[in-house]
C-alpha atoms as a PDB file:
ATOM      1  CA  MET A   1      -0.747  18.412  19.783  1.00  0.00           C
ATOM      2  CA  ALA A   2       1.162  15.270  20.763  1.00  0.00           C
ATOM      3  CA  VAL A   3       0.151  11.946  19.057  1.00  0.00           C
ATOM      4  CA  THR A   4      -0.639   9.515  21.604  1.00  0.00           C
ATOM      5  CA  ALA A   5      -2.980   6.115  20.712  1.00  0.00           C
ATOM      6  CA  ALA A   6      -5.337   7.176  23.136  1.00  0.00           C
ATOM      7  CA  SER A   7      -5.840  10.262  20.551  1.00  0.00           C
ATOM      8  CA  ILE A   8      -5.411   8.276  17.662  1.00  0.00           C
ATOM      9  CA  LEU A   9      -8.407   5.361  19.019  1.00  0.00           C
ATOM     10  CA  HIS A  10     -10.803   8.865  19.524  1.00  0.00           C
ATOM     11  CA  ASP A  11      -9.765   9.280  15.676  1.00  0.00           C
ATOM     12  CA  ILE A  12     -10.653   5.646  14.478  1.00  0.00           C
ATOM     13  CA  ILE A  13     -13.822   5.962  16.529  1.00  0.00           C
ATOM     14  CA  VAL A  14     -15.080   9.288  15.411  1.00  0.00           C
ATOM     15  CA  PHE A  15     -13.961   8.534  11.814  1.00  0.00           C
ATOM     16  CA  VAL A  16     -16.357   4.997  11.820  1.00  0.00           C
ATOM     17  CA  GLN A  17     -19.524   7.039  14.108  1.00  0.00           C
ATOM     18  CA  THR A  18     -19.593   9.965  11.186  1.00  0.00           C
ATOM     19  CA  LEU A  19     -19.340   6.806   8.203  1.00  0.00           C
ATOM     20  CA  ILE A  20     -22.561   5.681   9.987  1.00  0.00           C
ATOM     21  CA  HIS A  21     -24.465   8.250  11.600  1.00  0.00           C
ATOM     22  CA  VAL A  22     -23.852  11.464  10.069  1.00  0.00           C
ATOM     23  CA  GLN A  23     -23.144  10.758   6.586  1.00  0.00           C
ATOM     24  CA  ASN A  24     -25.428   7.765   6.737  1.00  0.00           C
ATOM     25  CA  GLY A  25     -22.555   5.304   5.518  1.00  0.00           C
ATOM     26  CA  VAL A  26     -21.158   7.971   2.736  1.00  0.00           C
ATOM     27  CA  HIS A  27     -17.477   9.496   3.154  1.00  0.00           C
ATOM     28  CA  GLN A  28     -15.471  11.534  -0.278  1.00  0.00           C
ATOM     29  CA  LEU A  29     -11.995  11.593   0.334  1.00  0.00           C
ATOM     30  CA  TRP A  30     -10.908  14.340  -1.392  1.00  0.00           C
ATOM     31  CA  ASP A  31     -12.189  16.894  -4.204  1.00  0.00           C
ATOM     32  CA  SER A  32      -9.147  16.532  -6.511  1.00  0.00           C
ATOM     33  CA  ARG A  33      -5.292  15.176  -5.891  1.00  0.00           C
ATOM     34  CA  SER A  34      -3.310  15.091  -9.191  1.00  0.00           C
ATOM     35  CA  PHE A  35      -0.373  12.292  -9.583  1.00  0.00           C
ATOM     36  CA  ASN A  36       2.420  12.882 -11.202  1.00  0.00           C
ATOM     37  CA  LEU A  37       3.636   8.868 -12.309  1.00  0.00           C
ATOM     38  CA  SER A  38       7.144  10.255 -13.539  1.00  0.00           C
ATOM     39  CA  GLN A  39       8.466  10.027 -10.428  1.00  0.00           C
ATOM     40  CA  TYR A  40       8.022   6.003  -9.865  1.00  0.00           C
ATOM     41  CA  GLU A  41      10.308   3.693 -12.063  1.00  0.00           C
ATOM     42  CA  GLY A  42       9.324   2.518 -14.743  1.00  0.00           C
ATOM     43  CA  MET A  43       6.060   4.689 -14.896  1.00  0.00           C
ATOM     44  CA  GLU A  44       5.627   8.237 -16.409  1.00  0.00           C
ATOM     45  CA  GLY A  45       2.411  10.416 -17.349  1.00  0.00           C
ATOM     46  CA  PHE A  46       0.309  11.875 -15.075  1.00  0.00           C
ATOM     47  CA  LEU A  47      -3.122  10.562 -12.948  1.00  0.00           C
ATOM     48  CA  THR A  48      -6.410  12.948 -11.569  1.00  0.00           C
ATOM     49  CA  ILE A  49      -8.664  11.144  -9.084  1.00  0.00           C
ATOM     50  CA  GLU A  50     -11.916  13.205  -8.895  1.00  0.00           C
ATOM     51  CA  ASN A  51     -14.351  12.657  -6.180  1.00  0.00           C
ATOM     52  CA  PRO A  52     -13.618   9.374  -4.538  1.00  0.00           C
ATOM     53  CA  THR A  53     -16.308   8.511  -2.507  1.00  0.00           C
ATOM     54  CA  MET A  54     -16.858   5.095  -0.121  1.00  0.00           C
ATOM     55  CA  SER A  55     -20.915   4.241   0.813  1.00  0.00           C
ATOM     56  CA  LEU A  56     -21.266   1.563   3.168  1.00  0.00           C
ATOM     57  CA  THR A  57     -23.199  -0.526   5.706  1.00  0.00           C
ATOM     58  CA  MET A  58     -21.799  -1.487   8.008  1.00  0.00           C
ATOM     59  CA  GLY A  59     -22.338  -4.784  10.558  1.00  0.00           C
ATOM     60  CA  PRO A  60     -23.023  -4.930  14.469  1.00  0.00           C
ATOM     61  CA  PHE A  61     -19.836  -3.816  16.239  1.00  0.00           C
ATOM     62  CA  GLU A  62     -19.189  -2.613  20.253  1.00  0.00           C
ATOM     63  CA  VAL A  63     -17.730   0.964  19.327  1.00  0.00           C
ATOM     64  CA  PHE A  64     -15.410   0.695  22.416  1.00  0.00           C
ATOM     65  CA  SER A  65     -14.109  -3.037  21.925  1.00  0.00           C
ATOM     66  CA  PHE A  66     -13.406  -3.376  18.161  1.00  0.00           C
ATOM     67  CA  ALA A  67     -10.581  -1.123  17.425  1.00  0.00           C
ATOM     68  CA  LYS A  68      -7.266  -0.861  19.643  1.00  0.00           C
ATOM     69  CA  VAL A  69      -4.039   1.342  19.866  1.00  0.00           C
ATOM     70  CA  VAL A  70      -0.965   0.056  21.607  1.00  0.00           C
ATOM     71  CA  GLU A  71       2.282   1.959  21.710  1.00  0.00           C
ATOM     72  CA  ASP A  72       5.419   0.456  21.343  1.00  0.00           C
ATOM     73  CA  ASP A  73       9.015   0.826  22.882  1.00  0.00           C
ATOM     74  CA  ASN A  74      10.275   2.562  19.460  1.00  0.00           C
ATOM     75  CA  GLY A  75       6.968   5.190  20.141  1.00  0.00           C
ATOM     76  CA  ASP A  76       5.243   3.955  17.051  1.00  0.00           C
ATOM     77  CA  PHE A  77       1.695   3.291  17.555  1.00  0.00           C
ATOM     78  CA  GLN A  78       0.356  -0.155  16.752  1.00  0.00           C
ATOM     79  CA  ALA A  79      -3.977   0.418  15.233  1.00  0.00           C
ATOM     80  CA  CYS A  80      -5.955  -2.938  14.654  1.00  0.00           C
ATOM     81  CA  ILE A  81      -9.062  -2.977  13.629  1.00  0.00           C
ATOM     82  CA  ASP A  82     -10.816  -6.442  14.737  1.00  0.00           C
ATOM     83  CA  ASN A  83     -13.940  -8.168  12.824  1.00  0.00           C
ATOM     84  CA  VAL A  84     -15.848  -5.471  11.272  1.00  0.00           C
ATOM     85  CA  THR A  85     -17.856  -6.690   8.811  1.00  0.00           C
ATOM     86  CA  PHE A  86     -19.447  -4.813   6.152  1.00  0.00           C
ATOM     87  CA  PRO A  87     -23.076  -6.507   3.516  1.00  0.00           C
ATOM     88  CA  GLN A  88     -22.094  -3.398   1.102  1.00  0.00           C
ATOM     89  CA  PHE A  89     -19.586  -1.894   0.598  1.00  0.00           C
ATOM     90  CA  ASN A  90     -19.162   0.561  -3.096  1.00  0.00           C
ATOM     91  CA  PHE A  91     -16.308   2.619  -3.473  1.00  0.00           C
ATOM     92  CA  THR A  92     -16.459   5.437  -6.494  1.00  0.00           C
ATOM     93  CA  PHE A  93     -14.058   8.131  -8.429  1.00  0.00           C
ATOM     94  CA  ASN A  94     -13.769  10.151 -11.616  1.00  0.00           C
ATOM     95  CA  TYR A  95     -10.686  10.017 -13.465  1.00  0.00           C
ATOM     96  CA  GLU A  96      -8.749  11.116 -16.028  1.00  0.00           C
ATOM     97  CA  ALA A  97      -5.136   9.269 -16.814  1.00  0.00           C
ATOM     98  CA  ASP A  98      -2.285   9.429 -19.490  1.00  0.00           C
ATOM     99  CA  VAL A  99      -0.069   7.047 -18.154  1.00  0.00           C
ATOM    100  CA  GLY A 100       2.898   4.460 -19.644  1.00  0.00           C
ATOM    101  CA  ILE A 101       3.903   1.636 -18.167  1.00  0.00           C
ATOM    102  CA  ASN A 102       7.167   0.385 -18.760  1.00  0.00           C
ATOM    103  CA  ASP A 103       7.211   1.790 -22.030  1.00  0.00           C
ATOM    104  CA  GLU A 104       4.904  -0.659 -23.355  1.00  0.00           C
ATOM    105  CA  ILE A 105       1.881  -0.739 -21.360  1.00  0.00           C
ATOM    106  CA  PRO A 106      -0.084   2.430 -22.485  1.00  0.00           C
ATOM    107  CA  PHE A 107      -3.908   3.778 -20.264  1.00  0.00           C
ATOM    108  CA  TYR A 108      -5.263   6.813 -21.190  1.00  0.00           C
ATOM    109  CA  GLY A 109      -8.686   8.118 -20.984  1.00  0.00           C
ATOM    110  CA  LYS A 110     -10.824  10.226 -18.021  1.00  0.00           C
ATOM    111  CA  GLY A 111     -14.204   8.974 -16.944  1.00  0.00           C
ATOM    112  CA  THR A 112     -15.984   6.905 -14.024  1.00  0.00           C
ATOM    113  CA  TYR A 113     -15.156   3.837 -11.474  1.00  0.00           C
ATOM    114  CA  GLU A 114     -17.521   2.147  -9.762  1.00  0.00           C
ATOM    115  CA  GLY A 115     -16.731  -0.942  -7.726  1.00  0.00           C
ATOM    116  CA  LYS A 116     -18.830  -3.283  -5.410  1.00  0.00           C
ATOM    117  CA  MET A 117     -18.735  -5.676  -2.830  1.00  0.00           C
ATOM    118  CA  THR A 118     -20.731  -7.785  -0.273  1.00  0.00           C
ATOM    119  CA  ASP A 119     -20.772  -9.676   2.848  1.00  0.00           C
ATOM    120  CA  VAL A 120     -17.409  -8.417   3.338  1.00  0.00           C
ATOM    121  CA  GLN A 121     -14.983  -9.287   6.813  1.00  0.00           C
ATOM    122  CA  THR A 122     -12.047  -7.953   7.656  1.00  0.00           C
ATOM    123  CA  THR A 123      -9.301  -7.500  10.778  1.00  0.00           C
ATOM    124  CA  PHE A 124      -6.666  -5.061   9.573  1.00  0.00           C
ATOM    125  CA  CYS A 125      -3.776  -3.545  11.606  1.00  0.00           C
ATOM    126  CA  TRP A 126      -1.386  -1.003  10.842  1.00  0.00           C
ATOM    127  CA  LEU A 127       2.071   1.005  12.316  1.00  0.00           C
ATOM    128  CA  LEU A 128       1.322   4.307  12.860  1.00  0.00           C
ATOM    129  CA  ALA A 129       5.009   5.955  13.185  1.00  0.00           C
ATOM    130  CA  SER A 130       5.499   8.220  16.571  1.00  0.00           C
ATOM    131  CA  THR A 131       5.308  11.666  14.015  1.00  0.00           C
ATOM    132  CA  ALA A 132       1.869  10.360  12.847  1.00  0.00           C
ATOM    133  CA  ASP A 133       2.986  11.170   9.229  1.00  0.00           C
ATOM    134  CA  GLU A 134       3.238   7.234   7.828  1.00  0.00           C
ATOM    135  CA  ILE A 135       2.386   4.377   7.337  1.00  0.00           C
ATOM    136  CA  LEU A 136       5.383   1.587   8.231  1.00  0.00           C
ATOM    137  CA  ASP A 137       3.141  -1.375   8.058  1.00  0.00           C
ATOM    138  CA  PHE A 138       0.272  -2.634   7.036  1.00  0.00           C
ATOM    139  CA  ASP A 139      -1.791  -5.654   7.285  1.00  0.00           C
ATOM    140  CA  ILE A 140      -5.191  -6.828   6.458  1.00  0.00           C
ATOM    141  CA  ARG A 141      -7.101 -10.060   6.135  1.00  0.00           C
ATOM    142  CA  VAL A 142     -10.051  -9.974   4.338  1.00  0.00           C
ATOM    143  CA  ILE A 143     -12.835 -12.140   2.524  1.00  0.00           C
ATOM    144  CA  PHE A 144     -15.329 -10.775   0.336  1.00  0.00           C
ATOM    145  CA  ARG A 145     -18.054 -11.889  -2.427  1.00  0.00           C
ATOM    146  CA  HIS A 146     -17.070 -10.200  -5.827  1.00  0.00           C
ATOM    147  CA  GLN A 147     -19.874  -7.915  -7.451  1.00  0.00           C
ATOM    148  CA  PRO A 148     -19.852  -6.391 -11.379  1.00  0.00           C
ATOM    149  CA  SER A 149     -17.365  -3.023 -11.577  1.00  0.00           C
ATOM    150  CA  PHE A 150     -17.342  -0.625 -13.975  1.00  0.00           C
ATOM    151  CA  LEU A 151     -14.796   1.748 -15.638  1.00  0.00           C
ATOM    152  CA  THR A 152     -16.115   3.733 -18.751  1.00  0.00           C
ATOM    153  CA  GLY A 153     -13.550   6.489 -20.808  1.00  0.00           C
ATOM    154  CA  VAL A 154     -11.010   4.197 -21.365  1.00  0.00           C
ATOM    155  CA  PHE A 155      -8.567   5.369 -24.108  1.00  0.00           C
ATOM    156  CA  PHE A 156     -11.542   7.793 -24.699  1.00  0.00           C
ATOM    157  CA  ASN A 157     -14.052   5.451 -26.145  1.00  0.00           C
ATOM    158  CA  ASN A 158     -17.192   4.421 -25.190  1.00  0.00           C
ATOM    159  CA  GLU A 159     -17.492   1.714 -26.701  1.00  0.00           C
ATOM    160  CA  ILE A 160     -15.593  -0.890 -25.013  1.00  0.00           C
ATOM    161  CA  ASP A 161     -16.982   0.334 -21.733  1.00  0.00           C
ATOM    162  CA  GLY A 162     -19.142  -3.014 -21.729  1.00  0.00           C
ATOM    163  CA  ALA A 163     -16.283  -4.806 -22.489  1.00  0.00           C
ATOM    164  CA  VAL A 164     -13.793  -3.248 -19.584  1.00  0.00           C
ATOM    165  CA  ALA A 165     -16.178  -4.064 -17.160  1.00  0.00           C
ATOM    166  CA  ASN A 166     -16.695  -7.343 -17.748  1.00  0.00           C
ATOM    167  CA  LEU A 167     -12.922  -7.805 -17.777  1.00  0.00           C
ATOM    168  CA  LEU A 168     -12.982  -6.075 -14.317  1.00  0.00           C
ATOM    169  CA  THR A 169     -15.498  -8.057 -13.044  1.00  0.00           C
ATOM    170  CA  LEU A 170     -14.044 -11.543 -14.157  1.00  0.00           C
ATOM    171  CA  ALA A 171     -10.603 -10.107 -12.498  1.00  0.00           C
ATOM    172  CA  LYS A 172     -12.322  -9.018  -9.757  1.00  0.00           C
ATOM    173  CA  ARG A 173     -14.430 -13.195  -9.294  1.00  0.00           C
ATOM    174  CA  LEU A 174     -11.056 -14.311  -9.539  1.00  0.00           C
ATOM    175  CA  LEU A 175      -9.409 -12.683  -7.063  1.00  0.00           C
ATOM    176  CA  ALA A 176     -12.354 -13.054  -4.931  1.00  0.00           C
ATOM    177  CA  MET A 177     -11.927 -17.154  -5.360  1.00  0.00           C
ATOM    178  CA  TRP A 178      -8.349 -16.979  -4.753  1.00  0.00           C
ATOM    179  CA  ASN A 179      -7.894 -14.891  -1.794  1.00  0.00           C
ATOM    180  CA  ASN A 180     -11.270 -17.148   0.128  1.00  0.00           C
ATOM    181  CA  TYR A 181      -9.504 -20.270  -0.296  1.00  0.00           C
ATOM    182  CA  GLU A 182      -5.819 -18.920   0.078  1.00  0.00           C
ATOM    183  CA  THR A 183      -5.855 -15.552   2.323  1.00  0.00           C
ATOM    184  CA  GLU A 184      -2.164 -15.803   3.758  1.00  0.00           C
ATOM    185  CA  CYS A 185      -0.931 -15.485   0.588  1.00  0.00           C
ATOM    186  CA  ALA A 186      -3.358 -13.025  -0.797  1.00  0.00           C
ATOM    187  CA  SER A 187      -2.981 -10.819   2.023  1.00  0.00           C
ATOM    188  CA  VAL A 188       0.708 -11.240   1.912  1.00  0.00           C
ATOM    189  CA  CYS A 189       1.567 -10.773  -1.707  1.00  0.00           C
ATOM    190  CA  LEU A 190      -1.217  -9.012  -2.864  1.00  0.00           C
ATOM    191  CA  LEU A 191      -3.177  -7.238  -0.425  1.00  0.00           C
ATOM    192  CA  ASN A 192      -0.654  -5.885   2.155  1.00  0.00           C
ATOM    193  CA  PRO A 193       1.591  -4.210  -0.182  1.00  0.00           C
ATOM    194  CA  VAL A 194      -0.971  -2.161  -2.118  1.00  0.00           C
ATOM    195  CA  PHE A 195      -2.873  -1.185   0.715  1.00  0.00           C
ATOM    196  CA  TYR A 196       0.747  -0.196   2.878  1.00  0.00           C
ATOM    197  CA  PHE A 197       1.833   2.085  -0.737  1.00  0.00           C
ATOM    198  CA  MET A 198      -1.764   3.089  -1.729  1.00  0.00           C
ATOM    199  CA  THR A 199      -2.364   4.370   2.284  1.00  0.00           C
ATOM    200  CA  ASN A 200       1.064   6.118   2.004  1.00  0.00           C
ATOM    201  CA  ILE A 201       1.194   7.699  -1.021  1.00  0.00           C
ATOM    202  CA  LEU A 202      -2.998   9.110  -0.871  1.00  0.00           C
ATOM    203  CA  ILE A 203      -2.817   9.693   2.542  1.00  0.00           C
ATOM    204  CA  TYR A 204       0.418  10.747   3.690  1.00  0.00           C
ATOM    205  CA  ASP A 205       1.550  12.099   0.390  1.00  0.00           C
ATOM    206  CA  LYS A 206       5.325   9.173   0.568  1.00  0.00           C
ATOM    207  CA  ASP A 207       6.595   6.931  -1.742  1.00  0.00           C
ATOM    208  CA  LYS A 208       6.819   3.651  -1.250  1.00  0.00           C
ATOM    209  CA  SER A 209       7.588   1.874  -4.236  1.00  0.00           C
ATOM    210  CA  ALA A 210      10.748   0.837  -3.716  1.00  0.00           C
ATOM    211  CA  GLU A 211       9.856  -1.049  -0.733  1.00  0.00           C
ATOM    212  CA  LEU A 212       7.527  -2.970  -3.057  1.00  0.00           C
ATOM    213  CA  THR A 213       9.798  -6.361  -3.370  1.00  0.00           C
ATOM    214  CA  PHE A 214       7.205  -8.974  -2.602  1.00  0.00           C
ATOM    215  CA  GLU A 215      10.559 -10.887  -1.474  1.00  0.00           C
ATOM    216  CA  GLU A 216       7.852 -12.720   0.742  1.00  0.00           C
ATOM    217  CA  CYS A 217       5.603 -14.074  -0.901  1.00  0.00           C
ATOM    218  CA  SER A 218       7.385 -17.937  -1.172  1.00  0.00           C
ATOM    219  CA  CYS A 219       3.370 -18.960  -1.700  1.00  0.00           C
ATOM    220  CA  ILE A 220       3.136 -17.809  -4.903  1.00  0.00           C
ATOM    221  CA  HIS A 221       6.219 -19.343  -5.834  1.00  0.00           C
ATOM    222  CA  GLN A 222       5.060 -22.324  -4.799  1.00  0.00           C
ATOM    223  CA  ILE A 223       1.839 -22.217  -6.542  1.00  0.00           C
ATOM    224  CA  ILE A 224       4.022 -21.679  -9.873  1.00  0.00           C
ATOM    225  CA  GLN A 225       5.806 -24.672  -8.689  1.00  0.00           C
ATOM    226  CA  ASN A 226       2.885 -26.824  -8.402  1.00  0.00           C
ATOM    227  CA  SER A 227       1.333 -25.866 -11.697  1.00  0.00           C
ATOM    228  CA  HIS A 228       4.105 -28.022 -13.353  1.00  0.00           C
ATOM    229  CA  ASP A 229       2.077 -30.580 -12.756  1.00  0.00           C
ATOM    230  CA  ILE A 230      -1.117 -29.386 -14.522  1.00  0.00           C
ATOM    231  CA  PHE A 231       0.917 -27.867 -17.527  1.00  0.00           C
ATOM    232  CA  GLY A 232       3.660 -30.190 -17.815  1.00  0.00           C
ATOM    233  CA  PRO A 233       7.371 -30.358 -17.426  1.00  0.00           C
ATOM    234  CA  HIS A 234       8.035 -28.856 -20.342  1.00  0.00           C
ATOM    235  CA  ARG A 235       6.176 -25.238 -20.553  1.00  0.00           C
ATOM    236  CA  GLU A 236       7.515 -23.043 -18.029  1.00  0.00           C
ATOM    237  CA  VAL A 237       4.463 -21.138 -16.057  1.00  0.00           C
ATOM    238  CA  ASN A 238       6.094 -18.001 -14.362  1.00  0.00           C
ATOM    239  CA  LEU A 239       4.776 -14.691 -13.166  1.00  0.00           C
ATOM    240  CA  GLN A 240       5.646 -12.927 -16.220  1.00  0.00           C
ATOM    241  CA  ASN A 241       3.710 -15.916 -18.373  1.00  0.00           C
ATOM    242  CA  ILE A 242       0.568 -14.911 -15.797  1.00  0.00           C
ATOM    243  CA  PHE A 243       0.925 -11.278 -16.411  1.00  0.00           C
ATOM    244  CA  ASN A 244       1.309 -12.037 -20.736  1.00  0.00           C
ATOM    245  CA  TYR A 245      -1.828 -13.605 -20.284  1.00  0.00           C
ATOM    246  CA  ALA A 246      -3.931 -10.671 -18.184  1.00  0.00           C
ATOM    247  CA  LEU A 247      -2.581  -8.384 -21.475  1.00  0.00           C
ATOM    248  CA  ILE A 248      -3.705 -11.115 -24.504  1.00  0.00           C
ATOM    249  CA  LEU A 249      -7.092 -10.909 -22.474  1.00  0.00           C
ATOM    250  CA  PHE A 250      -7.313  -7.577 -21.999  1.00  0.00           C
ATOM    251  CA  GLU A 251      -6.803  -7.128 -25.699  1.00  0.00           C
ATOM    252  CA  ASP A 252      -9.093  -9.897 -26.305  1.00  0.00           C
ATOM    253  CA  ALA A 253     -11.746  -7.541 -24.540  1.00  0.00           C
ATOM    254  CA  LEU A 254     -10.602  -3.613 -26.266  1.00  0.00           C
ATOM    255  CA  ASN A 255     -10.668  -6.085 -29.542  1.00  0.00           C
ATOM    256  CA  GLY A 256     -14.580  -7.341 -29.231  1.00  0.00           C
ATOM    257  CA  GLY A 257     -13.834 -11.319 -28.539  1.00  0.00           C
ATOM    258  CA  LEU A 258     -13.790 -11.889 -24.943  1.00  0.00           C
ATOM    259  CA  GLN A 259     -16.978 -12.242 -23.418  1.00  0.00           C
ATOM    260  CA  LEU A 260     -17.596 -13.287 -19.757  1.00  0.00           C
ATOM    261  CA  ASN A 261     -19.788 -15.881 -20.703  1.00  0.00           C
ATOM    262  CA  GLN A 262     -17.199 -17.709 -22.855  1.00  0.00           C
ATOM    263  CA  LEU A 263     -15.236 -17.828 -19.629  1.00  0.00           C
ATOM    264  CA  GLU A 264     -18.010 -18.395 -16.894  1.00  0.00           C
ATOM    265  CA  SER A 265     -17.789 -21.898 -17.870  1.00  0.00           C
ATOM    266  CA  ILE A 266     -14.589 -22.660 -16.676  1.00  0.00           C
ATOM    267  CA  LEU A 267     -14.829 -21.097 -13.135  1.00  0.00           C
ATOM    268  CA  PRO A 268     -15.841 -22.716 -10.460  1.00  0.00           C
END
């Protein structure tokens, strides 16, 4: 059966109606999938994701006007979903991992992830290849309020579950703040590349990691440049320093030295 704009729009509408009416807002993406991360530059090991499940409630929308699909001159399909709201959005999965990043950062364990968001407002568009087997481009604009996140079984040590949960919750809070104040920057430099990469690898089994260059992240570099006014001209502030600081926080959390209530005092 030939892929057309009408057939893609039909699939979108059926999927959304299934989420809301048939499965009562709960959708399981798959049973179990394993990913060989050694094929990606700077990574090694494996990751298995089991029973990834979305549960959500959607705000009111017009079923035949909230989405649109247009075929371009190349035969590819530009699809958009406009102004969709999710008062509640939860995502859970079970995992098993043995991963190394850049020969420096280990991550291993077996457990469960649970993440929650509320008051999600989003518009997103994607460019689907004419063969309907890969995403060529992705653009998302989203505003959300953070809620607690949980990740159990990191390093096969359930005693640090509380510290990891605190760290994840804090990270998501900072992400929500940055995204809500700098929506364009967050979309271009983080959300668009992540959704583009994850959609292709999880749904279409296409590796797009070589295309994640972040060359358009001029806003990040501007933020770093502006930070010199805060940190002073003699203190270099760059992406590597920010990454290193995040690792220090992570190590402190695992050692029991990071308490969420101590950090909340510095957040607006």
